[in-house]
Amino acid sequence: MTQLRFNTPCILAGVSLLIATLTIPSSAIAADPPVTDANIAAIVVAANQIDIDYGKIALTKSKDKEVRGFAQRMITDHGALQKAVKSLAAKLKLTPEENPTSEGLKKNAVEITAKLNSLNGKEFDKFYIDNEVNYHTQVIGAVKTVLIPNATNPELKSALVNAEALFEKHLEHARQIQAKENQADRSK
Protein backbone atom coordinates (compact mmCIF):
# COMPACT_ATOMS: atom_id res chain seq x y z
CA MET A 1 0.00 0.00 0.00
CA THR A 2 1.30 3.42 -0.94
CA GLN A 3 2.05 5.71 2.02
CA LEU A 4 0.39 9.13 1.83
CA ARG A 5 2.84 12.00 1.71
CA PHE A 6 0.37 14.77 2.55
CA ASN A 7 0.92 17.31 5.21
CA THR A 8 -1.11 15.64 7.96
CA PRO A 9 -2.03 18.93 9.68
CA CYS A 10 -3.50 20.16 6.43
CA ILE A 11 -5.47 17.00 5.85
CA LEU A 12 -6.76 17.10 9.38
CA ALA A 13 -7.75 20.70 9.01
CA GLY A 14 -9.71 19.90 5.89
CA VAL A 15 -11.54 17.05 7.47
CA SER A 16 -12.01 19.14 10.56
CA LEU A 17 -13.58 21.85 8.52
CA LEU A 18 -15.81 19.32 6.87
CA ILE A 19 -17.10 17.89 10.09
CA ALA A 20 -17.30 21.22 11.80
CA THR A 21 -19.60 22.54 9.11
CA LEU A 22 -21.84 19.56 9.50
CA THR A 23 -24.82 20.90 11.33
CA ILE A 24 -26.83 18.23 9.62
CA PRO A 25 -27.57 15.27 11.88
CA SER A 26 -25.12 12.38 11.45
CA SER A 27 -28.09 10.17 10.58
CA ALA A 28 -28.55 12.20 7.40
CA ILE A 29 -25.01 11.38 6.38
CA ALA A 30 -25.30 7.68 7.13
CA ALA A 31 -28.59 7.24 5.28
CA ASP A 32 -28.85 4.69 2.47
CA PRO A 33 -27.20 4.49 0.06
CA PRO A 34 -23.83 4.41 1.80
CA VAL A 35 -21.43 7.30 1.34
CA THR A 36 -19.03 6.54 -1.52
CA ASP A 37 -15.40 7.62 -1.91
CA ALA A 38 -16.57 10.16 -4.52
CA ASN A 39 -19.13 11.49 -2.00
CA ILE A 40 -16.46 11.67 0.71
CA ALA A 41 -14.18 13.66 -1.59
CA ALA A 42 -17.00 16.15 -2.31
CA ILE A 43 -17.79 16.47 1.40
CA VAL A 44 -14.16 17.10 2.31
CA VAL A 45 -13.70 19.64 -0.50
CA ALA A 46 -16.87 21.48 0.54
CA ALA A 47 -15.99 21.46 4.24
CA ASN A 48 -12.46 22.73 3.61
CA GLN A 49 -13.62 25.57 1.42
CA ILE A 50 -16.26 26.61 3.93
CA ASP A 51 -13.76 26.82 6.80
CA ILE A 52 -11.32 28.70 4.58
CA ASP A 53 -14.07 31.19 3.76
CA TYR A 54 -15.02 31.60 7.44
CA GLY A 55 -11.35 32.23 8.25
CA LYS A 56 -11.11 34.90 5.57
CA ILE A 57 -14.13 36.68 7.02
CA ALA A 58 -12.55 36.53 10.49
CA LEU A 59 -9.33 38.06 9.19
CA THR A 60 -11.22 41.02 7.79
CA LYS A 61 -13.57 41.55 10.76
CA SER A 62 -11.75 40.56 13.95
CA LYS A 63 -9.35 42.79 15.83
CA ASP A 64 -8.53 40.06 18.39
CA LYS A 65 -4.99 38.71 17.92
CA GLU A 66 -5.88 35.15 19.00
CA VAL A 67 -9.01 34.97 16.85
CA ARG A 68 -7.06 36.28 13.86
CA GLY A 69 -4.26 33.76 14.49
CA PHE A 70 -6.76 30.93 14.64
CA ALA A 71 -8.46 32.14 11.45
CA GLN A 72 -5.11 32.25 9.64
CA ARG A 73 -4.36 28.72 10.85
CA MET A 74 -7.71 27.55 9.43
CA ILE A 75 -6.96 29.18 6.08
CA THR A 76 -3.46 27.72 5.93
CA ASP A 77 -4.26 24.20 7.18
CA HIS A 78 -7.50 23.80 5.25
CA GLY A 79 -5.93 25.28 2.13
CA ALA A 80 -3.13 22.71 2.29
CA LEU A 81 -5.64 19.95 2.96
CA GLN A 82 -7.72 21.12 0.02
CA LYS A 83 -4.69 20.77 -2.27
CA ALA A 84 -3.88 17.35 -0.81
CA VAL A 85 -7.45 16.08 -1.25
CA LYS A 86 -7.60 17.30 -4.84
CA SER A 87 -4.20 15.74 -5.54
CA LEU A 88 -5.25 12.41 -4.04
CA ALA A 89 -8.54 12.47 -5.96
CA ALA A 90 -6.64 13.08 -9.22
CA LYS A 91 -4.18 10.30 -8.41
CA LEU A 92 -7.04 7.90 -7.71
CA LYS A 93 -9.00 9.15 -10.74
CA LEU A 94 -11.79 9.96 -8.33
CA THR A 95 -14.21 12.71 -9.29
CA PRO A 96 -15.88 14.29 -6.25
CA GLU A 97 -19.61 13.64 -6.45
CA GLU A 98 -22.02 16.09 -4.88
CA ASN A 99 -24.45 14.53 -2.45
CA PRO A 100 -26.99 15.62 0.17
CA THR A 101 -24.26 16.11 2.78
CA SER A 102 -21.96 18.26 0.64
CA GLU A 103 -24.95 20.26 -0.56
CA GLY A 104 -26.23 20.60 3.02
CA LEU A 105 -22.85 21.90 4.13
CA LYS A 106 -22.93 24.56 1.43
CA LYS A 107 -26.51 25.54 2.25
CA ASN A 108 -25.72 25.86 5.97
CA ALA A 109 -22.59 27.87 5.15
CA VAL A 110 -24.72 30.51 3.44
CA GLU A 111 -26.60 31.07 6.72
CA ILE A 112 -23.44 31.05 8.88
CA THR A 113 -21.67 33.41 6.45
CA ALA A 114 -24.59 35.83 6.59
CA LYS A 115 -24.51 35.76 10.39
CA LEU A 116 -20.71 36.28 10.45
CA ASN A 117 -21.05 39.22 8.08
CA SER A 118 -23.77 40.79 10.25
CA LEU A 119 -21.67 40.85 13.43
CA ASN A 120 -18.81 43.04 14.61
CA GLY A 121 -16.39 43.28 17.50
CA LYS A 122 -16.69 40.88 20.42
CA GLU A 123 -20.03 39.55 19.15
CA PHE A 124 -18.31 38.51 15.93
CA ASP A 125 -15.37 36.91 17.75
CA LYS A 126 -17.69 34.95 20.06
CA PHE A 127 -19.91 33.69 17.26
CA TYR A 128 -16.93 32.77 15.06
CA ILE A 129 -15.13 30.81 17.78
CA ASP A 130 -18.32 29.15 19.06
CA ASN A 131 -19.10 28.09 15.49
CA GLU A 132 -15.57 26.71 15.05
CA VAL A 133 -15.88 24.65 18.25
CA ASN A 134 -19.21 23.25 17.08
CA TYR A 135 -17.99 22.70 13.53
CA HIS A 136 -14.84 20.83 14.55
CA THR A 137 -16.75 18.72 17.08
CA GLN A 138 -19.17 17.66 14.37
CA VAL A 139 -16.42 17.07 11.81
CA ILE A 140 -14.46 14.82 14.18
CA GLY A 141 -17.62 12.83 14.88
CA ALA A 142 -18.42 12.49 11.19
CA VAL A 143 -14.87 11.46 10.31
CA LYS A 144 -14.90 8.74 12.98
CA THR A 145 -18.40 7.42 12.46
CA VAL A 146 -19.22 8.05 8.80
CA LEU A 147 -16.30 8.98 6.56
CA ILE A 148 -13.64 6.51 7.73
CA PRO A 149 -16.03 3.54 7.98
CA ASN A 150 -17.41 4.21 4.49
CA ALA A 151 -14.11 4.94 2.70
CA THR A 152 -13.20 1.97 0.54
CA ASN A 153 -9.90 3.17 -0.93
CA PRO A 154 -7.06 2.46 1.52
CA GLU A 155 -5.26 5.73 0.71
CA LEU A 156 -8.40 7.80 1.26
CA LYS A 157 -9.13 5.96 4.51
CA SER A 158 -5.54 6.54 5.68
CA ALA A 159 -5.78 10.26 4.86
CA LEU A 160 -8.99 10.52 6.87
CA VAL A 161 -7.47 8.67 9.82
CA ASN A 162 -4.45 10.99 9.73
CA ALA A 163 -6.66 14.06 9.47
CA GLU A 164 -8.52 13.28 12.66
CA ALA A 165 -5.53 14.27 14.84
CA LEU A 166 -5.27 17.68 13.16
CA PHE A 167 -8.96 18.31 13.70
CA GLU A 168 -8.53 17.47 17.36
CA LYS A 169 -5.78 20.12 17.57
CA HIS A 170 -8.02 22.68 15.87
CA LEU A 171 -10.83 21.87 18.28
CA GLU A 172 -8.54 22.20 21.31
CA HIS A 173 -7.20 25.54 20.02
CA ALA A 174 -10.73 26.87 19.42
CA ARG A 175 -11.82 25.72 22.89
CA GLN A 176 -8.88 27.53 24.49
CA ILE A 177 -9.84 30.78 22.77
CA GLN A 178 -13.49 30.20 23.68
CA ALA A 179 -12.59 29.68 27.35
CA LYS A 180 -10.56 32.91 27.41
CA GLU A 181 -13.41 34.83 25.78
CA ASN A 182 -15.91 33.39 28.26
CA GLN A 183 -13.59 34.20 31.19
CA ALA A 184 -13.23 37.80 30.00
CA ASP A 185 -17.02 38.12 29.73
CA ARG A 186 -17.52 36.84 33.28
CA SER A 187 -14.94 39.20 34.71
CA LYS A 188 -16.82 42.25 33.41
C-alpha atoms as a PDB file:
ATOM      1  CA  MET A   1       0.000   0.000   0.000  1.00  0.00           C
ATOM      2  CA  THR A   2       1.299   3.424  -0.938  1.00  0.00           C
ATOM      3  CA  GLN A   3       2.047   5.714   2.017  1.00  0.00           C
ATOM      4  CA  LEU A   4       0.385   9.131   1.828  1.00  0.00           C
ATOM      5  CA  ARG A   5       2.840  12.001   1.710  1.00  0.00           C
ATOM      6  CA  PHE A   6       0.372  14.766   2.548  1.00  0.00           C
ATOM      7  CA  ASN A   7       0.923  17.305   5.210  1.00  0.00           C
ATOM      8  CA  THR A   8      -1.108  15.638   7.960  1.00  0.00           C
ATOM      9  CA  PRO A   9      -2.028  18.927   9.680  1.00  0.00           C
ATOM     10  CA  CYS A  10      -3.497  20.164   6.432  1.00  0.00           C
ATOM     11  CA  ILE A  11      -5.473  17.003   5.853  1.00  0.00           C
ATOM     12  CA  LEU A  12      -6.756  17.102   9.379  1.00  0.00           C
ATOM     13  CA  ALA A  13      -7.751  20.699   9.006  1.00  0.00           C
ATOM     14  CA  GLY A  14      -9.715  19.905   5.892  1.00  0.00           C
ATOM     15  CA  VAL A  15     -11.538  17.046   7.465  1.00  0.00           C
ATOM     16  CA  SER A  16     -12.010  19.144  10.562  1.00  0.00           C
ATOM     17  CA  LEU A  17     -13.578  21.846   8.520  1.00  0.00           C
ATOM     18  CA  LEU A  18     -15.811  19.320   6.867  1.00  0.00           C
ATOM     19  CA  ILE A  19     -17.099  17.888  10.086  1.00  0.00           C
ATOM     20  CA  ALA A  20     -17.300  21.222  11.802  1.00  0.00           C
ATOM     21  CA  THR A  21     -19.602  22.539   9.109  1.00  0.00           C
ATOM     22  CA  LEU A  22     -21.837  19.563   9.504  1.00  0.00           C
ATOM     23  CA  THR A  23     -24.822  20.902  11.329  1.00  0.00           C
ATOM     24  CA  ILE A  24     -26.831  18.227   9.620  1.00  0.00           C
ATOM     25  CA  PRO A  25     -27.568  15.265  11.875  1.00  0.00           C
ATOM     26  CA  SER A  26     -25.124  12.385  11.446  1.00  0.00           C
ATOM     27  CA  SER A  27     -28.088  10.173  10.584  1.00  0.00           C
ATOM     28  CA  ALA A  28     -28.555  12.201   7.402  1.00  0.00           C
ATOM     29  CA  ILE A  29     -25.005  11.382   6.384  1.00  0.00           C
ATOM     30  CA  ALA A  30     -25.301   7.679   7.132  1.00  0.00           C
ATOM     31  CA  ALA A  31     -28.594   7.236   5.281  1.00  0.00           C
ATOM     32  CA  ASP A  32     -28.851   4.691   2.473  1.00  0.00           C
ATOM     33  CA  PRO A  33     -27.203   4.485   0.060  1.00  0.00           C
ATOM     34  CA  PRO A  34     -23.826   4.414   1.798  1.00  0.00           C
ATOM     35  CA  VAL A  35     -21.434   7.296   1.338  1.00  0.00           C
ATOM     36  CA  THR A  36     -19.028   6.543  -1.519  1.00  0.00           C
ATOM     37  CA  ASP A  37     -15.404   7.617  -1.911  1.00  0.00           C
ATOM     38  CA  ALA A  38     -16.567  10.162  -4.516  1.00  0.00           C
ATOM     39  CA  ASN A  39     -19.133  11.488  -2.000  1.00  0.00           C
ATOM     40  CA  ILE A  40     -16.459  11.667   0.707  1.00  0.00           C
ATOM     41  CA  ALA A  41     -14.184  13.660  -1.592  1.00  0.00           C
ATOM     42  CA  ALA A  42     -16.996  16.147  -2.311  1.00  0.00           C
ATOM     43  CA  ILE A  43     -17.793  16.467   1.402  1.00  0.00           C
ATOM     44  CA  VAL A  44     -14.161  17.104   2.315  1.00  0.00           C
ATOM     45  CA  VAL A  45     -13.703  19.642  -0.496  1.00  0.00           C
ATOM     46  CA  ALA A  46     -16.871  21.485   0.542  1.00  0.00           C
ATOM     47  CA  ALA A  47     -15.990  21.455   4.242  1.00  0.00           C
ATOM     48  CA  ASN A  48     -12.460  22.732   3.614  1.00  0.00           C
ATOM     49  CA  GLN A  49     -13.621  25.574   1.424  1.00  0.00           C
ATOM     50  CA  ILE A  50     -16.256  26.611   3.933  1.00  0.00           C
ATOM     51  CA  ASP A  51     -13.763  26.819   6.805  1.00  0.00           C
ATOM     52  CA  ILE A  52     -11.316  28.703   4.584  1.00  0.00           C
ATOM     53  CA  ASP A  53     -14.072  31.190   3.759  1.00  0.00           C
ATOM     54  CA  TYR A  54     -15.020  31.596   7.436  1.00  0.00           C
ATOM     55  CA  GLY A  55     -11.355  32.232   8.254  1.00  0.00           C
ATOM     56  CA  LYS A  56     -11.109  34.903   5.566  1.00  0.00           C
ATOM     57  CA  ILE A  57     -14.130  36.680   7.022  1.00  0.00           C
ATOM     58  CA  ALA A  58     -12.545  36.527  10.486  1.00  0.00           C
ATOM     59  CA  LEU A  59      -9.328  38.056   9.187  1.00  0.00           C
ATOM     60  CA  THR A  60     -11.224  41.025   7.788  1.00  0.00           C
ATOM     61  CA  LYS A  61     -13.569  41.552  10.763  1.00  0.00           C
ATOM     62  CA  SER A  62     -11.753  40.558  13.951  1.00  0.00           C
ATOM     63  CA  LYS A  63      -9.352  42.788  15.832  1.00  0.00           C
ATOM     64  CA  ASP A  64      -8.529  40.060  18.393  1.00  0.00           C
ATOM     65  CA  LYS A  65      -4.989  38.710  17.919  1.00  0.00           C
ATOM     66  CA  GLU A  66      -5.883  35.147  19.001  1.00  0.00           C
ATOM     67  CA  VAL A  67      -9.006  34.966  16.850  1.00  0.00           C
ATOM     68  CA  ARG A  68      -7.060  36.281  13.858  1.00  0.00           C
ATOM     69  CA  GLY A  69      -4.262  33.762  14.491  1.00  0.00           C
ATOM     70  CA  PHE A  70      -6.763  30.929  14.641  1.00  0.00           C
ATOM     71  CA  ALA A  71      -8.456  32.140  11.454  1.00  0.00           C
ATOM     72  CA  GLN A  72      -5.113  32.250   9.641  1.00  0.00           C
ATOM     73  CA  ARG A  73      -4.364  28.722  10.855  1.00  0.00           C
ATOM     74  CA  MET A  74      -7.707  27.550   9.430  1.00  0.00           C
ATOM     75  CA  ILE A  75      -6.960  29.184   6.081  1.00  0.00           C
ATOM     76  CA  THR A  76      -3.460  27.715   5.931  1.00  0.00           C
ATOM     77  CA  ASP A  77      -4.261  24.203   7.180  1.00  0.00           C
ATOM     78  CA  HIS A  78      -7.498  23.799   5.252  1.00  0.00           C
ATOM     79  CA  GLY A  79      -5.930  25.281   2.134  1.00  0.00           C
ATOM     80  CA  ALA A  80      -3.130  22.713   2.286  1.00  0.00           C
ATOM     81  CA  LEU A  81      -5.636  19.950   2.956  1.00  0.00           C
ATOM     82  CA  GLN A  82      -7.717  21.115   0.023  1.00  0.00           C
ATOM     83  CA  LYS A  83      -4.692  20.774  -2.266  1.00  0.00           C
ATOM     84  CA  ALA A  84      -3.882  17.349  -0.810  1.00  0.00           C
ATOM     85  CA  VAL A  85      -7.445  16.085  -1.253  1.00  0.00           C
ATOM     86  CA  LYS A  86      -7.602  17.301  -4.843  1.00  0.00           C
ATOM     87  CA  SER A  87      -4.203  15.744  -5.543  1.00  0.00           C
ATOM     88  CA  LEU A  88      -5.253  12.413  -4.040  1.00  0.00           C
ATOM     89  CA  ALA A  89      -8.536  12.474  -5.957  1.00  0.00           C
ATOM     90  CA  ALA A  90      -6.644  13.083  -9.216  1.00  0.00           C
ATOM     91  CA  LYS A  91      -4.180  10.302  -8.414  1.00  0.00           C
ATOM     92  CA  LEU A  92      -7.042   7.900  -7.709  1.00  0.00           C
ATOM     93  CA  LYS A  93      -8.996   9.146 -10.736  1.00  0.00           C
ATOM     94  CA  LEU A  94     -11.789   9.964  -8.326  1.00  0.00           C
ATOM     95  CA  THR A  95     -14.215  12.711  -9.290  1.00  0.00           C
ATOM     96  CA  PRO A  96     -15.879  14.286  -6.247  1.00  0.00           C
ATOM     97  CA  GLU A  97     -19.612  13.637  -6.454  1.00  0.00           C
ATOM     98  CA  GLU A  98     -22.024  16.093  -4.879  1.00  0.00           C
ATOM     99  CA  ASN A  99     -24.450  14.528  -2.449  1.00  0.00           C
ATOM    100  CA  PRO A 100     -26.986  15.616   0.171  1.00  0.00           C
ATOM    101  CA  THR A 101     -24.260  16.106   2.784  1.00  0.00           C
ATOM    102  CA  SER A 102     -21.958  18.256   0.644  1.00  0.00           C
ATOM    103  CA  GLU A 103     -24.952  20.256  -0.560  1.00  0.00           C
ATOM    104  CA  GLY A 104     -26.233  20.602   3.019  1.00  0.00           C
ATOM    105  CA  LEU A 105     -22.847  21.898   4.131  1.00  0.00           C
ATOM    106  CA  LYS A 106     -22.931  24.556   1.434  1.00  0.00           C
ATOM    107  CA  LYS A 107     -26.505  25.541   2.245  1.00  0.00           C
ATOM    108  CA  ASN A 108     -25.717  25.865   5.968  1.00  0.00           C
ATOM    109  CA  ALA A 109     -22.587  27.865   5.153  1.00  0.00           C
ATOM    110  CA  VAL A 110     -24.721  30.511   3.440  1.00  0.00           C
ATOM    111  CA  GLU A 111     -26.597  31.068   6.723  1.00  0.00           C
ATOM    112  CA  ILE A 112     -23.438  31.047   8.876  1.00  0.00           C
ATOM    113  CA  THR A 113     -21.675  33.406   6.451  1.00  0.00           C
ATOM    114  CA  ALA A 114     -24.593  35.834   6.591  1.00  0.00           C
ATOM    115  CA  LYS A 115     -24.508  35.756  10.390  1.00  0.00           C
ATOM    116  CA  LEU A 116     -20.715  36.278  10.446  1.00  0.00           C
ATOM    117  CA  ASN A 117     -21.053  39.222   8.078  1.00  0.00           C
ATOM    118  CA  SER A 118     -23.772  40.788  10.254  1.00  0.00           C
ATOM    119  CA  LEU A 119     -21.671  40.846  13.434  1.00  0.00           C
ATOM    120  CA  ASN A 120     -18.806  43.039  14.606  1.00  0.00           C
ATOM    121  CA  GLY A 121     -16.388  43.279  17.495  1.00  0.00           C
ATOM    122  CA  LYS A 122     -16.687  40.875  20.423  1.00  0.00           C
ATOM    123  CA  GLU A 123     -20.028  39.550  19.147  1.00  0.00           C
ATOM    124  CA  PHE A 124     -18.311  38.512  15.929  1.00  0.00           C
ATOM    125  CA  ASP A 125     -15.372  36.909  17.752  1.00  0.00           C
ATOM    126  CA  LYS A 126     -17.690  34.950  20.058  1.00  0.00           C
ATOM    127  CA  PHE A 127     -19.909  33.688  17.256  1.00  0.00           C
ATOM    128  CA  TYR A 128     -16.933  32.771  15.056  1.00  0.00           C
ATOM    129  CA  ILE A 129     -15.134  30.812  17.780  1.00  0.00           C
ATOM    130  CA  ASP A 130     -18.322  29.154  19.057  1.00  0.00           C
ATOM    131  CA  ASN A 131     -19.096  28.087  15.492  1.00  0.00           C
ATOM    132  CA  GLU A 132     -15.566  26.710  15.048  1.00  0.00           C
ATOM    133  CA  VAL A 133     -15.876  24.645  18.251  1.00  0.00           C
ATOM    134  CA  ASN A 134     -19.208  23.253  17.079  1.00  0.00           C
ATOM    135  CA  TYR A 135     -17.991  22.700  13.530  1.00  0.00           C
ATOM    136  CA  HIS A 136     -14.838  20.831  14.552  1.00  0.00           C
ATOM    137  CA  THR A 137     -16.747  18.719  17.083  1.00  0.00           C
ATOM    138  CA  GLN A 138     -19.170  17.662  14.367  1.00  0.00           C
ATOM    139  CA  VAL A 139     -16.417  17.066  11.812  1.00  0.00           C
ATOM    140  CA  ILE A 140     -14.460  14.825  14.183  1.00  0.00           C
ATOM    141  CA  GLY A 141     -17.619  12.832  14.880  1.00  0.00           C
ATOM    142  CA  ALA A 142     -18.423  12.491  11.186  1.00  0.00           C
ATOM    143  CA  VAL A 143     -14.868  11.457  10.308  1.00  0.00           C
ATOM    144  CA  LYS A 144     -14.896   8.744  12.982  1.00  0.00           C
ATOM    145  CA  THR A 145     -18.397   7.416  12.460  1.00  0.00           C
ATOM    146  CA  VAL A 146     -19.225   8.053   8.803  1.00  0.00           C
ATOM    147  CA  LEU A 147     -16.301   8.983   6.558  1.00  0.00           C
ATOM    148  CA  ILE A 148     -13.643   6.512   7.734  1.00  0.00           C
ATOM    149  CA  PRO A 149     -16.033   3.535   7.982  1.00  0.00           C
ATOM    150  CA  ASN A 150     -17.407   4.211   4.488  1.00  0.00           C
ATOM    151  CA  ALA A 151     -14.113   4.939   2.704  1.00  0.00           C
ATOM    152  CA  THR A 152     -13.196   1.969   0.541  1.00  0.00           C
ATOM    153  CA  ASN A 153      -9.902   3.169  -0.931  1.00  0.00           C
ATOM    154  CA  PRO A 154      -7.056   2.460   1.521  1.00  0.00           C
ATOM    155  CA  GLU A 155      -5.260   5.734   0.706  1.00  0.00           C
ATOM    156  CA  LEU A 156      -8.400   7.795   1.258  1.00  0.00           C
ATOM    157  CA  LYS A 157      -9.126   5.957   4.510  1.00  0.00           C
ATOM    158  CA  SER A 158      -5.536   6.535   5.676  1.00  0.00           C
ATOM    159  CA  ALA A 159      -5.783  10.257   4.857  1.00  0.00           C
ATOM    160  CA  LEU A 160      -8.992  10.520   6.868  1.00  0.00           C
ATOM    161  CA  VAL A 161      -7.472   8.669   9.816  1.00  0.00           C
ATOM    162  CA  ASN A 162      -4.455  10.988   9.734  1.00  0.00           C
ATOM    163  CA  ALA A 163      -6.664  14.061   9.465  1.00  0.00           C
ATOM    164  CA  GLU A 164      -8.517  13.277  12.657  1.00  0.00           C
ATOM    165  CA  ALA A 165      -5.530  14.274  14.842  1.00  0.00           C
ATOM    166  CA  LEU A 166      -5.272  17.684  13.164  1.00  0.00           C
ATOM    167  CA  PHE A 167      -8.960  18.313  13.701  1.00  0.00           C
ATOM    168  CA  GLU A 168      -8.527  17.467  17.361  1.00  0.00           C
ATOM    169  CA  LYS A 169      -5.779  20.116  17.566  1.00  0.00           C
ATOM    170  CA  HIS A 170      -8.016  22.681  15.869  1.00  0.00           C
ATOM    171  CA  LEU A 171     -10.827  21.867  18.284  1.00  0.00           C
ATOM    172  CA  GLU A 172      -8.536  22.200  21.311  1.00  0.00           C
ATOM    173  CA  HIS A 173      -7.201  25.542  20.023  1.00  0.00           C
ATOM    174  CA  ALA A 174     -10.727  26.867  19.424  1.00  0.00           C
ATOM    175  CA  ARG A 175     -11.825  25.719  22.895  1.00  0.00           C
ATOM    176  CA  GLN A 176      -8.876  27.532  24.489  1.00  0.00           C
ATOM    177  CA  ILE A 177      -9.843  30.781  22.768  1.00  0.00           C
ATOM    178  CA  GLN A 178     -13.488  30.203  23.676  1.00  0.00           C
ATOM    179  CA  ALA A 179     -12.592  29.676  27.346  1.00  0.00           C
ATOM    180  CA  LYS A 180     -10.559  32.913  27.413  1.00  0.00           C
ATOM    181  CA  GLU A 181     -13.407  34.833  25.784  1.00  0.00           C
ATOM    182  CA  ASN A 182     -15.911  33.395  28.262  1.00  0.00           C
ATOM    183  CA  GLN A 183     -13.588  34.199  31.187  1.00  0.00           C
ATOM    184  CA  ALA A 184     -13.229  37.797  29.997  1.00  0.00           C
ATOM    185  CA  ASP A 185     -17.021  38.118  29.727  1.00  0.00           C
ATOM    186  CA  ARG A 186     -17.518  36.835  33.285  1.00  0.00           C
ATOM    187  CA  SER A 187     -14.939  39.201  34.714  1.00  0.00           C
ATOM    188  CA  LYS A 188     -16.817  42.254  33.406  1.00  0.00           C
END
